[in-house]
Amino acid sequence: MQVIMIGVFGGSFDPVHIGHLRSALEVQLLTGCRQIRFVPSREPPHRSGPVVSAEHRVEMLRIAISGHPEWVIDNRELHRSGPSYTITTLESLRSEMTDKFCLLVGSDAFVHFESWHRYRDILSLAHVLVMVRPGSTFSEWIKGHEFRERLTENVTELKDHPAGKIHVCEVTALDISSSKIRRCLGKGWSCEYLMPAEEIDFINRNKLYT
């Protein structure tokens, strides 16, 4: 029976940018995930809330991923009140799907993973794909942590185990963040090449982040 892995990529996406998109693409190529589900959060537990509306963030995502039929938007967190906990999302997905889930997490977020709500339960439902930039010291950090026992360099192990493995994916270093883009837009600067042109047009038409 063919093993299908689904990438789960959560975030505010306020706005989504080339860094998000390139990382998702490279992780998909490295691991063979059949699908990437972009999950915009309503109330991120570990940071301040989004600047623009959920409707605008979803539309920017729709525009940005339109060229990838295997990438989809999953709105379930937007329809749920309270903090957007990853474990709640994974439990909801598990109730609907039998595929294996791979949670995409940046290395800067993963070093605080133990502060996440029910983090051990997350590892019972999904593998974790940690996205790191070249030259990062994350691989050395995790080798000195209890999570090292879950670490695997072999993508095949993700398919052989139901959940709980941690795989480090080295992605292209792009010094882009949503906060930097918001600052650029607020100053009236061009964001060309930082996000898809169609998304920039949508932002300008709707006067977002100004």
N, C-alpha and C. Protein backbone atom coordinates (compact mmCIF):
# COMPACT_ATOMS: atom_id res chain seq x y z
N MET A 1 0.84 -1.19 0.00
CA MET A 1 0.00 0.00 0.00
C MET A 1 0.88 1.25 0.00
N GLN A 2 0.57 2.18 -0.87
CA GLN A 2 1.36 3.40 -0.98
C GLN A 2 1.17 4.28 0.25
N VAL A 3 2.29 4.76 0.78
CA VAL A 3 2.24 5.66 1.93
C VAL A 3 2.15 7.10 1.44
N ILE A 4 1.15 7.81 1.91
CA ILE A 4 0.96 9.21 1.52
C ILE A 4 1.27 10.10 2.71
N MET A 5 2.18 11.04 2.50
CA MET A 5 2.52 12.00 3.55
C MET A 5 1.97 13.37 3.18
N ILE A 6 1.38 14.01 4.17
CA ILE A 6 0.78 15.33 4.00
C ILE A 6 1.56 16.33 4.84
N GLY A 7 2.06 17.39 4.21
CA GLY A 7 2.74 18.45 4.94
C GLY A 7 1.72 19.43 5.51
N VAL A 8 1.88 19.78 6.78
CA VAL A 8 0.98 20.73 7.45
C VAL A 8 1.81 21.96 7.82
N PHE A 9 1.51 23.08 7.18
CA PHE A 9 2.31 24.30 7.32
C PHE A 9 1.43 25.39 7.91
N GLY A 10 1.55 25.62 9.20
CA GLY A 10 0.74 26.63 9.87
C GLY A 10 1.47 27.95 9.99
N GLY A 11 0.70 29.02 10.15
CA GLY A 11 1.30 30.34 10.33
C GLY A 11 0.26 31.43 10.16
N SER A 12 0.65 32.65 10.48
CA SER A 12 -0.26 33.78 10.28
C SER A 12 -0.38 34.14 8.80
N PHE A 13 0.74 33.98 8.07
CA PHE A 13 0.77 34.33 6.64
C PHE A 13 0.22 35.75 6.46
N ASP A 14 0.89 36.69 7.12
CA ASP A 14 0.39 38.06 7.25
C ASP A 14 1.44 39.08 6.82
N PRO A 15 1.85 39.08 5.53
CA PRO A 15 1.34 38.26 4.43
C PRO A 15 2.24 37.06 4.14
N VAL A 16 1.71 36.12 3.33
CA VAL A 16 2.53 35.03 2.82
C VAL A 16 3.56 35.62 1.86
N HIS A 17 4.77 35.04 1.83
CA HIS A 17 5.82 35.60 0.98
C HIS A 17 6.68 34.49 0.37
N ILE A 18 7.66 34.89 -0.42
CA ILE A 18 8.50 33.94 -1.14
C ILE A 18 9.23 32.99 -0.19
N GLY A 19 9.59 33.47 0.99
CA GLY A 19 10.25 32.59 1.95
C GLY A 19 9.39 31.41 2.34
N HIS A 20 8.09 31.67 2.60
CA HIS A 20 7.16 30.58 2.89
C HIS A 20 7.06 29.61 1.72
N LEU A 21 6.88 30.19 0.53
CA LEU A 21 6.62 29.38 -0.65
C LEU A 21 7.82 28.54 -1.04
N ARG A 22 9.00 29.14 -1.01
CA ARG A 22 10.21 28.41 -1.38
C ARG A 22 10.49 27.30 -0.37
N SER A 23 10.31 27.58 0.90
CA SER A 23 10.54 26.55 1.92
C SER A 23 9.58 25.38 1.73
N ALA A 24 8.31 25.68 1.47
CA ALA A 24 7.33 24.61 1.25
C ALA A 24 7.71 23.76 0.05
N LEU A 25 8.14 24.41 -1.02
CA LEU A 25 8.54 23.68 -2.22
C LEU A 25 9.74 22.78 -1.96
N GLU A 26 10.75 23.32 -1.30
CA GLU A 26 11.96 22.53 -1.06
C GLU A 26 11.68 21.37 -0.11
N VAL A 27 10.87 21.59 0.91
CA VAL A 27 10.52 20.50 1.82
C VAL A 27 9.75 19.41 1.07
N GLN A 28 8.85 19.83 0.21
CA GLN A 28 8.09 18.85 -0.57
C GLN A 28 9.01 18.03 -1.48
N LEU A 29 9.96 18.68 -2.11
CA LEU A 29 10.90 17.98 -2.98
C LEU A 29 11.82 17.05 -2.19
N LEU A 30 12.23 17.48 -1.00
CA LEU A 30 13.15 16.69 -0.19
C LEU A 30 12.48 15.47 0.43
N THR A 31 11.21 15.59 0.77
CA THR A 31 10.54 14.53 1.54
C THR A 31 9.52 13.73 0.75
N GLY A 32 9.06 14.28 -0.36
CA GLY A 32 8.05 13.58 -1.14
C GLY A 32 6.64 13.72 -0.61
N CYS A 33 6.38 14.75 0.20
CA CYS A 33 5.01 14.97 0.67
C CYS A 33 4.08 15.14 -0.53
N ARG A 34 2.99 14.41 -0.52
CA ARG A 34 2.05 14.47 -1.64
C ARG A 34 1.34 15.82 -1.70
N GLN A 35 1.09 16.38 -0.55
CA GLN A 35 0.31 17.61 -0.47
C GLN A 35 0.87 18.49 0.65
N ILE A 36 0.79 19.81 0.46
CA ILE A 36 1.11 20.77 1.52
C ILE A 36 -0.17 21.52 1.85
N ARG A 37 -0.56 21.45 3.12
CA ARG A 37 -1.75 22.16 3.59
C ARG A 37 -1.32 23.41 4.35
N PHE A 38 -1.61 24.58 3.80
CA PHE A 38 -1.31 25.85 4.46
C PHE A 38 -2.46 26.16 5.42
N VAL A 39 -2.13 26.30 6.70
CA VAL A 39 -3.15 26.48 7.73
C VAL A 39 -3.01 27.86 8.37
N PRO A 40 -3.73 28.86 7.87
CA PRO A 40 -3.64 30.19 8.49
C PRO A 40 -4.26 30.18 9.88
N SER A 41 -3.56 30.79 10.82
CA SER A 41 -4.02 30.78 12.21
C SER A 41 -4.93 31.97 12.50
N ARG A 42 -5.82 31.75 13.43
CA ARG A 42 -6.71 32.83 13.86
C ARG A 42 -6.09 33.60 15.03
N GLU A 43 -5.65 32.86 16.05
CA GLU A 43 -5.02 33.46 17.23
C GLU A 43 -3.73 32.70 17.53
N PRO A 44 -2.60 33.12 16.96
CA PRO A 44 -1.34 32.42 17.23
C PRO A 44 -1.02 32.44 18.72
N PRO A 45 -0.74 31.29 19.34
CA PRO A 45 -0.50 31.25 20.79
C PRO A 45 0.78 31.95 21.23
N HIS A 46 1.79 32.03 20.33
CA HIS A 46 3.11 32.49 20.75
C HIS A 46 3.51 33.83 20.14
N ARG A 47 2.57 34.53 19.56
CA ARG A 47 2.90 35.85 19.00
C ARG A 47 1.63 36.68 18.93
N SER A 48 1.80 37.96 18.59
CA SER A 48 0.63 38.84 18.51
C SER A 48 -0.25 38.45 17.32
N GLY A 49 -1.49 38.88 17.37
CA GLY A 49 -2.45 38.50 16.34
C GLY A 49 -2.17 39.13 15.00
N PRO A 50 -2.80 38.61 13.95
CA PRO A 50 -2.59 39.13 12.59
C PRO A 50 -3.01 40.58 12.45
N VAL A 51 -2.40 41.26 11.48
CA VAL A 51 -2.69 42.67 11.23
C VAL A 51 -3.92 42.83 10.36
N VAL A 52 -4.04 42.02 9.31
CA VAL A 52 -5.18 42.14 8.40
C VAL A 52 -6.17 41.00 8.64
N SER A 53 -7.32 41.11 8.04
CA SER A 53 -8.41 40.16 8.28
C SER A 53 -8.07 38.76 7.77
N ALA A 54 -8.79 37.78 8.31
CA ALA A 54 -8.63 36.41 7.84
C ALA A 54 -8.97 36.30 6.36
N GLU A 55 -10.00 37.02 5.93
CA GLU A 55 -10.42 36.95 4.53
C GLU A 55 -9.30 37.43 3.61
N HIS A 56 -8.64 38.51 3.98
CA HIS A 56 -7.54 39.02 3.15
C HIS A 56 -6.35 38.06 3.16
N ARG A 57 -6.05 37.48 4.30
CA ARG A 57 -4.92 36.56 4.38
C ARG A 57 -5.17 35.30 3.55
N VAL A 58 -6.40 34.82 3.59
CA VAL A 58 -6.75 33.64 2.79
C VAL A 58 -6.67 33.96 1.30
N GLU A 59 -7.13 35.12 0.91
CA GLU A 59 -7.08 35.48 -0.51
C GLU A 59 -5.63 35.64 -0.97
N MET A 60 -4.77 36.22 -0.14
CA MET A 60 -3.36 36.32 -0.51
C MET A 60 -2.74 34.94 -0.65
N LEU A 61 -3.09 34.03 0.23
CA LEU A 61 -2.61 32.65 0.12
C LEU A 61 -3.10 32.01 -1.16
N ARG A 62 -4.39 32.20 -1.45
CA ARG A 62 -4.96 31.60 -2.67
C ARG A 62 -4.21 32.08 -3.90
N ILE A 63 -3.93 33.37 -3.95
CA ILE A 63 -3.20 33.93 -5.09
C ILE A 63 -1.79 33.34 -5.14
N ALA A 64 -1.13 33.27 -4.00
CA ALA A 64 0.28 32.86 -3.95
C ALA A 64 0.49 31.40 -4.33
N ILE A 65 -0.46 30.53 -4.00
CA ILE A 65 -0.25 29.09 -4.26
C ILE A 65 -1.01 28.60 -5.48
N SER A 66 -1.58 29.52 -6.24
CA SER A 66 -2.46 29.13 -7.35
C SER A 66 -1.77 28.28 -8.41
N GLY A 67 -0.45 28.36 -8.51
CA GLY A 67 0.26 27.57 -9.51
C GLY A 67 0.61 26.16 -9.07
N HIS A 68 0.19 25.79 -7.85
CA HIS A 68 0.54 24.47 -7.32
C HIS A 68 -0.74 23.74 -6.90
N PRO A 69 -1.27 22.89 -7.76
CA PRO A 69 -2.52 22.19 -7.42
C PRO A 69 -2.39 21.27 -6.21
N GLU A 70 -1.16 20.87 -5.86
CA GLU A 70 -0.96 19.99 -4.71
C GLU A 70 -0.82 20.77 -3.41
N TRP A 71 -0.92 22.08 -3.48
CA TRP A 71 -0.93 22.94 -2.30
C TRP A 71 -2.36 23.42 -2.07
N VAL A 72 -2.83 23.32 -0.83
CA VAL A 72 -4.21 23.70 -0.54
C VAL A 72 -4.25 24.56 0.72
N ILE A 73 -5.31 25.32 0.85
CA ILE A 73 -5.54 26.14 2.04
C ILE A 73 -6.51 25.39 2.95
N ASP A 74 -6.16 25.28 4.20
CA ASP A 74 -7.01 24.63 5.20
C ASP A 74 -7.44 25.69 6.21
N ASN A 75 -8.72 26.03 6.20
CA ASN A 75 -9.23 27.16 6.99
C ASN A 75 -9.72 26.79 8.38
N ARG A 76 -9.51 25.57 8.82
CA ARG A 76 -10.18 25.12 10.05
C ARG A 76 -9.86 25.98 11.28
N GLU A 77 -8.65 26.51 11.37
CA GLU A 77 -8.32 27.32 12.55
C GLU A 77 -9.06 28.65 12.55
N LEU A 78 -9.40 29.14 11.37
CA LEU A 78 -10.10 30.42 11.27
C LEU A 78 -11.54 30.30 11.75
N HIS A 79 -12.07 29.09 11.73
CA HIS A 79 -13.46 28.87 12.15
C HIS A 79 -13.56 28.36 13.59
N ARG A 80 -12.44 28.39 14.28
CA ARG A 80 -12.40 27.89 15.65
C ARG A 80 -12.05 29.03 16.60
N SER A 81 -12.81 29.19 17.66
CA SER A 81 -12.52 30.26 18.61
C SER A 81 -11.38 29.84 19.54
N GLY A 82 -10.74 30.82 20.15
CA GLY A 82 -9.65 30.54 21.06
C GLY A 82 -8.32 30.41 20.35
N PRO A 83 -7.26 30.15 21.11
CA PRO A 83 -5.91 30.04 20.53
C PRO A 83 -5.84 28.94 19.47
N SER A 84 -5.05 29.19 18.44
CA SER A 84 -4.90 28.23 17.33
C SER A 84 -3.82 27.21 17.68
N TYR A 85 -4.18 26.25 18.51
CA TYR A 85 -3.21 25.25 18.94
C TYR A 85 -2.99 24.21 17.84
N THR A 86 -1.72 23.90 17.59
CA THR A 86 -1.37 22.91 16.58
C THR A 86 -1.97 21.55 16.88
N ILE A 87 -1.95 21.16 18.15
CA ILE A 87 -2.46 19.83 18.50
C ILE A 87 -3.94 19.70 18.15
N THR A 88 -4.71 20.76 18.35
CA THR A 88 -6.14 20.71 18.03
C THR A 88 -6.35 20.54 16.53
N THR A 89 -5.52 21.22 15.75
CA THR A 89 -5.61 21.10 14.29
C THR A 89 -5.25 19.69 13.84
N LEU A 90 -4.19 19.13 14.40
CA LEU A 90 -3.79 17.77 14.02
C LEU A 90 -4.84 16.75 14.43
N GLU A 91 -5.43 16.91 15.59
CA GLU A 91 -6.49 15.99 16.01
C GLU A 91 -7.69 16.07 15.06
N SER A 92 -8.00 17.27 14.63
CA SER A 92 -9.10 17.45 13.68
C SER A 92 -8.78 16.79 12.34
N LEU A 93 -7.56 16.99 11.87
CA LEU A 93 -7.14 16.35 10.62
C LEU A 93 -7.18 14.84 10.73
N ARG A 94 -6.70 14.32 11.86
CA ARG A 94 -6.66 12.87 12.04
C ARG A 94 -8.07 12.27 12.02
N SER A 95 -9.05 13.02 12.50
CA SER A 95 -10.42 12.51 12.49
C SER A 95 -10.98 12.39 11.08
N GLU A 96 -10.32 13.07 10.12
CA GLU A 96 -10.81 13.08 8.74
C GLU A 96 -9.95 12.26 7.78
N MET A 97 -8.67 12.08 8.12
CA MET A 97 -7.72 11.50 7.17
C MET A 97 -6.89 10.41 7.83
N THR A 98 -6.45 9.45 7.03
CA THR A 98 -5.61 8.37 7.54
C THR A 98 -4.16 8.52 7.10
N ASP A 99 -3.86 9.56 6.32
CA ASP A 99 -2.50 9.77 5.82
C ASP A 99 -1.55 10.15 6.96
N LYS A 100 -0.26 10.09 6.67
CA LYS A 100 0.74 10.50 7.67
C LYS A 100 0.97 12.00 7.55
N PHE A 101 1.04 12.66 8.70
CA PHE A 101 1.20 14.10 8.72
C PHE A 101 2.64 14.47 9.06
N CYS A 102 3.13 15.48 8.35
CA CYS A 102 4.46 16.04 8.60
C CYS A 102 4.29 17.53 8.88
N LEU A 103 4.59 17.93 10.09
CA LEU A 103 4.42 19.32 10.50
C LEU A 103 5.66 20.12 10.12
N LEU A 104 5.48 21.16 9.31
CA LEU A 104 6.58 22.02 8.90
C LEU A 104 6.78 23.11 9.94
N VAL A 105 8.00 23.19 10.49
CA VAL A 105 8.29 24.16 11.55
C VAL A 105 9.67 24.76 11.30
N GLY A 106 9.79 26.08 11.40
CA GLY A 106 11.09 26.72 11.31
C GLY A 106 11.93 26.41 12.53
N SER A 107 13.25 26.37 12.36
CA SER A 107 14.13 26.02 13.49
C SER A 107 14.02 27.02 14.63
N ASP A 108 13.76 28.29 14.29
CA ASP A 108 13.64 29.31 15.35
C ASP A 108 12.41 29.06 16.22
N ALA A 109 11.37 28.48 15.63
CA ALA A 109 10.17 28.14 16.41
C ALA A 109 10.35 26.82 17.15
N PHE A 110 11.06 25.87 16.53
CA PHE A 110 11.16 24.55 17.14
C PHE A 110 11.98 24.56 18.43
N VAL A 111 12.93 25.47 18.57
CA VAL A 111 13.71 25.50 19.81
C VAL A 111 12.83 25.83 21.02
N HIS A 112 11.62 26.32 20.77
CA HIS A 112 10.66 26.58 21.85
C HIS A 112 9.53 25.55 21.85
N PHE A 113 9.74 24.43 21.16
CA PHE A 113 8.69 23.44 20.96
C PHE A 113 8.10 22.93 22.27
N GLU A 114 8.94 22.83 23.29
CA GLU A 114 8.46 22.30 24.57
C GLU A 114 7.45 23.23 25.25
N SER A 115 7.37 24.47 24.80
CA SER A 115 6.39 25.39 25.36
C SER A 115 5.05 25.30 24.62
N TRP A 116 5.01 24.53 23.54
CA TRP A 116 3.77 24.40 22.78
C TRP A 116 2.75 23.58 23.57
N HIS A 117 1.50 23.91 23.38
CA HIS A 117 0.41 23.21 24.07
C HIS A 117 0.41 21.73 23.70
N ARG A 118 0.55 20.86 24.70
CA ARG A 118 0.54 19.40 24.53
C ARG A 118 1.53 18.95 23.44
N TYR A 119 2.75 19.43 23.56
CA TYR A 119 3.74 19.16 22.51
C TYR A 119 4.02 17.67 22.34
N ARG A 120 3.97 16.91 23.42
CA ARG A 120 4.22 15.47 23.29
C ARG A 120 3.12 14.79 22.47
N ASP A 121 1.91 15.28 22.61
CA ASP A 121 0.81 14.71 21.82
C ASP A 121 0.97 15.04 20.34
N ILE A 122 1.57 16.20 20.05
CA ILE A 122 1.85 16.53 18.65
C ILE A 122 2.71 15.45 18.02
N LEU A 123 3.72 15.00 18.76
CA LEU A 123 4.63 13.98 18.24
C LEU A 123 3.98 12.61 18.15
N SER A 124 2.84 12.44 18.77
CA SER A 124 2.12 11.17 18.63
C SER A 124 1.23 11.16 17.39
N LEU A 125 1.05 12.34 16.80
CA LEU A 125 0.17 12.46 15.63
C LEU A 125 0.90 12.80 14.34
N ALA A 126 2.12 13.31 14.45
CA ALA A 126 2.81 13.78 13.25
C ALA A 126 4.32 13.67 13.39
N HIS A 127 4.98 13.58 12.25
CA HIS A 127 6.42 13.81 12.21
C HIS A 127 6.63 15.32 12.18
N VAL A 128 7.83 15.76 12.49
CA VAL A 128 8.15 17.19 12.42
C VAL A 128 9.29 17.40 11.43
N LEU A 129 9.07 18.26 10.47
CA LEU A 129 10.09 18.63 9.50
C LEU A 129 10.59 20.02 9.89
N VAL A 130 11.81 20.08 10.39
CA VAL A 130 12.37 21.34 10.86
C VAL A 130 13.15 22.00 9.72
N MET A 131 12.73 23.20 9.35
CA MET A 131 13.36 23.92 8.25
C MET A 131 14.50 24.79 8.78
N VAL A 132 15.71 24.53 8.30
CA VAL A 132 16.88 25.29 8.75
C VAL A 132 17.58 25.92 7.56
N ARG A 133 18.27 26.99 7.82
CA ARG A 133 19.05 27.66 6.78
C ARG A 133 20.48 27.13 6.80
N PRO A 134 21.17 27.16 5.65
CA PRO A 134 22.57 26.72 5.62
C PRO A 134 23.39 27.49 6.66
N GLY A 135 24.27 26.77 7.36
CA GLY A 135 25.10 27.40 8.37
C GLY A 135 24.46 27.47 9.74
N SER A 136 23.21 27.02 9.85
CA SER A 136 22.52 27.04 11.13
C SER A 136 23.18 26.08 12.11
N THR A 137 23.14 26.42 13.39
CA THR A 137 23.69 25.55 14.44
C THR A 137 22.60 24.64 15.03
N PHE A 138 21.45 24.60 14.39
CA PHE A 138 20.34 23.83 14.94
C PHE A 138 20.67 22.35 15.08
N SER A 139 21.35 21.78 14.08
CA SER A 139 21.66 20.35 14.13
C SER A 139 22.51 20.01 15.34
N GLU A 140 23.41 20.91 15.72
CA GLU A 140 24.22 20.68 16.91
C GLU A 140 23.36 20.84 18.17
N TRP A 141 22.45 21.81 18.15
CA TRP A 141 21.57 22.04 19.30
C TRP A 141 20.73 20.80 19.59
N ILE A 142 20.12 20.25 18.56
CA ILE A 142 19.20 19.14 18.79
C ILE A 142 19.93 17.87 19.21
N LYS A 143 21.19 17.73 18.81
CA LYS A 143 21.96 16.55 19.22
C LYS A 143 22.23 16.54 20.72
N GLY A 144 22.14 17.71 21.35
CA GLY A 144 22.33 17.80 22.79
C GLY A 144 21.01 17.85 23.55
N HIS A 145 19.93 17.57 22.86
CA HIS A 145 18.60 17.65 23.44
C HIS A 145 17.95 16.27 23.45
N GLU A 146 16.96 16.10 24.31
CA GLU A 146 16.26 14.81 24.38
C GLU A 146 15.60 14.45 23.04
N PHE A 147 15.32 15.43 22.22
CA PHE A 147 14.69 15.16 20.93
C PHE A 147 15.62 14.40 19.98
N ARG A 148 16.91 14.33 20.32
CA ARG A 148 17.87 13.67 19.42
C ARG A 148 17.49 12.21 19.15
N GLU A 149 16.80 11.59 20.10
CA GLU A 149 16.41 10.20 19.92
C GLU A 149 15.34 10.05 18.83
N ARG A 150 14.69 11.12 18.50
CA ARG A 150 13.67 11.09 17.45
C ARG A 150 14.22 11.52 16.10
N LEU A 151 15.46 12.00 16.10
CA LEU A 151 16.05 12.57 14.89
C LEU A 151 16.36 11.48 13.87
N THR A 152 16.04 11.74 12.60
CA THR A 152 16.38 10.82 11.53
C THR A 152 16.84 11.60 10.30
N GLU A 153 17.87 11.10 9.65
CA GLU A 153 18.34 11.72 8.41
C GLU A 153 17.76 11.01 7.20
N ASN A 154 17.07 9.91 7.45
CA ASN A 154 16.52 9.08 6.38
C ASN A 154 15.03 9.37 6.20
N VAL A 155 14.68 9.93 5.05
CA VAL A 155 13.28 10.27 4.78
C VAL A 155 12.40 9.02 4.79
N THR A 156 12.96 7.88 4.42
CA THR A 156 12.19 6.64 4.39
C THR A 156 11.61 6.30 5.76
N GLU A 157 12.33 6.69 6.82
CA GLU A 157 11.84 6.41 8.17
C GLU A 157 10.54 7.16 8.47
N LEU A 158 10.33 8.28 7.80
CA LEU A 158 9.07 9.01 7.98
C LEU A 158 7.91 8.18 7.47
N LYS A 159 8.16 7.44 6.40
CA LYS A 159 7.11 6.60 5.82
C LYS A 159 6.93 5.31 6.60
N ASP A 160 8.02 4.86 7.24
CA ASP A 160 7.97 3.59 7.96
C ASP A 160 7.38 3.70 9.35
N HIS A 161 7.32 4.92 9.89
CA HIS A 161 6.78 5.13 11.24
C HIS A 161 5.52 6.00 11.16
N PRO A 162 4.55 5.76 12.01
CA PRO A 162 3.30 6.53 11.94
C PRO A 162 3.45 8.00 12.33
N ALA A 163 4.37 8.30 13.25
CA ALA A 163 4.56 9.67 13.73
C ALA A 163 5.77 9.70 14.65
N GLY A 164 6.15 10.91 15.08
CA GLY A 164 7.15 11.04 16.13
C GLY A 164 8.58 11.22 15.71
N LYS A 165 8.87 11.17 14.41
CA LYS A 165 10.23 11.38 13.94
C LYS A 165 10.47 12.86 13.64
N ILE A 166 11.71 13.28 13.78
CA ILE A 166 12.10 14.66 13.48
C ILE A 166 13.15 14.62 12.38
N HIS A 167 12.88 15.33 11.29
CA HIS A 167 13.79 15.36 10.15
C HIS A 167 14.16 16.81 9.85
N VAL A 168 15.45 17.08 9.74
CA VAL A 168 15.93 18.43 9.48
C VAL A 168 16.05 18.65 7.97
N CYS A 169 15.38 19.67 7.46
CA CYS A 169 15.42 20.01 6.04
C CYS A 169 16.17 21.32 5.86
N GLU A 170 17.28 21.28 5.16
CA GLU A 170 18.02 22.52 4.89
C GLU A 170 17.39 23.21 3.70
N VAL A 171 16.92 24.42 3.90
CA VAL A 171 16.25 25.18 2.85
C VAL A 171 17.07 26.43 2.52
N THR A 172 16.78 26.98 1.35
CA THR A 172 17.50 28.17 0.90
C THR A 172 17.34 29.32 1.89
N ALA A 173 18.45 29.96 2.20
CA ALA A 173 18.42 31.08 3.15
C ALA A 173 17.89 32.33 2.46
N LEU A 174 16.69 32.73 2.82
CA LEU A 174 16.09 33.95 2.30
C LEU A 174 15.74 34.84 3.49
N ASP A 175 16.39 35.97 3.59
CA ASP A 175 16.19 36.86 4.74
C ASP A 175 14.93 37.69 4.53
N ILE A 176 13.80 37.00 4.57
CA ILE A 176 12.50 37.63 4.36
C ILE A 176 11.59 37.25 5.52
N SER A 177 10.82 38.20 5.98
CA SER A 177 9.82 37.89 7.01
C SER A 177 8.59 38.74 6.75
N SER A 178 7.46 38.28 7.25
CA SER A 178 6.22 39.04 7.09
C SER A 178 6.32 40.41 7.75
N SER A 179 7.00 40.47 8.90
CA SER A 179 7.12 41.76 9.60
C SER A 179 7.94 42.76 8.78
N LYS A 180 9.01 42.28 8.14
CA LYS A 180 9.82 43.17 7.29
C LYS A 180 9.00 43.67 6.10
N ILE A 181 8.20 42.77 5.53
CA ILE A 181 7.38 43.16 4.39
C ILE A 181 6.34 44.19 4.83
N ARG A 182 5.74 43.99 5.98
CA ARG A 182 4.76 44.97 6.48
C ARG A 182 5.40 46.34 6.67
N ARG A 183 6.64 46.34 7.18
CA ARG A 183 7.34 47.63 7.36
C ARG A 183 7.61 48.28 6.01
N CYS A 184 8.03 47.49 5.03
CA CYS A 184 8.28 48.03 3.69
C CYS A 184 7.02 48.64 3.10
N LEU A 185 5.92 47.89 3.20
CA LEU A 185 4.66 48.38 2.65
C LEU A 185 4.20 49.63 3.39
N GLY A 186 4.42 49.67 4.69
CA GLY A 186 4.03 50.84 5.47
C GLY A 186 4.78 52.09 5.08
N LYS A 187 6.01 51.90 4.57
CA LYS A 187 6.83 53.03 4.13
C LYS A 187 6.64 53.34 2.65
N GLY A 188 5.80 52.55 2.00
CA GLY A 188 5.57 52.77 0.57
C GLY A 188 6.66 52.23 -0.32
N TRP A 189 7.51 51.36 0.21
CA TRP A 189 8.59 50.78 -0.58
C TRP A 189 8.10 49.60 -1.40
N SER A 190 8.81 49.32 -2.48
CA SER A 190 8.46 48.20 -3.34
C SER A 190 8.78 46.87 -2.66
N CYS A 191 7.89 45.90 -2.82
CA CYS A 191 8.13 44.54 -2.32
C CYS A 191 8.28 43.57 -3.48
N GLU A 192 8.67 44.10 -4.63
CA GLU A 192 8.89 43.25 -5.80
C GLU A 192 9.95 42.20 -5.49
N TYR A 193 9.68 40.97 -5.92
CA TYR A 193 10.54 39.80 -5.72
C TYR A 193 10.49 39.24 -4.29
N LEU A 194 9.74 39.88 -3.41
CA LEU A 194 9.58 39.34 -2.06
C LEU A 194 8.31 38.49 -1.95
N MET A 195 7.40 38.70 -2.88
CA MET A 195 6.15 37.93 -2.93
C MET A 195 5.65 37.95 -4.38
N PRO A 196 4.73 37.06 -4.73
CA PRO A 196 4.23 37.03 -6.10
C PRO A 196 3.63 38.38 -6.52
N ALA A 197 3.83 38.73 -7.79
CA ALA A 197 3.36 40.02 -8.29
C ALA A 197 1.85 40.18 -8.14
N GLU A 198 1.11 39.10 -8.37
CA GLU A 198 -0.35 39.18 -8.25
C GLU A 198 -0.78 39.47 -6.81
N GLU A 199 -0.01 38.96 -5.86
CA GLU A 199 -0.31 39.23 -4.46
C GLU A 199 -0.05 40.69 -4.13
N ILE A 200 1.04 41.23 -4.66
CA ILE A 200 1.34 42.65 -4.45
C ILE A 200 0.22 43.51 -5.02
N ASP A 201 -0.28 43.15 -6.21
CA ASP A 201 -1.38 43.90 -6.81
C ASP A 201 -2.62 43.87 -5.90
N PHE A 202 -2.89 42.71 -5.33
CA PHE A 202 -4.05 42.57 -4.43
C PHE A 202 -3.86 43.46 -3.20
N ILE A 203 -2.67 43.46 -2.64
CA ILE A 203 -2.38 44.29 -1.46
C ILE A 203 -2.57 45.77 -1.79
N ASN A 204 -2.06 46.18 -2.94
CA ASN A 204 -2.16 47.60 -3.33
C ASN A 204 -3.61 48.00 -3.59
N ARG A 205 -4.36 47.12 -4.26
CA ARG A 205 -5.76 47.43 -4.57
C ARG A 205 -6.59 47.59 -3.29
N ASN A 206 -6.26 46.79 -2.30
CA ASN A 206 -7.04 46.81 -1.06
C ASN A 206 -6.42 47.68 0.03
N LYS A 207 -5.31 48.35 -0.32
CA LYS A 207 -4.63 49.27 0.60
C LYS A 207 -4.31 48.60 1.94
N LEU A 208 -3.74 47.40 1.86
CA LEU A 208 -3.38 46.66 3.07
C LEU A 208 -2.01 47.09 3.57
N TYR A 209 -1.82 47.06 4.86
CA TYR A 209 -0.53 47.34 5.53
C TYR A 209 -0.04 48.76 5.32
N THR A 210 -0.94 49.68 5.01
CA THR A 210 -0.51 51.07 4.79
C THR A 210 -0.86 51.93 6.00
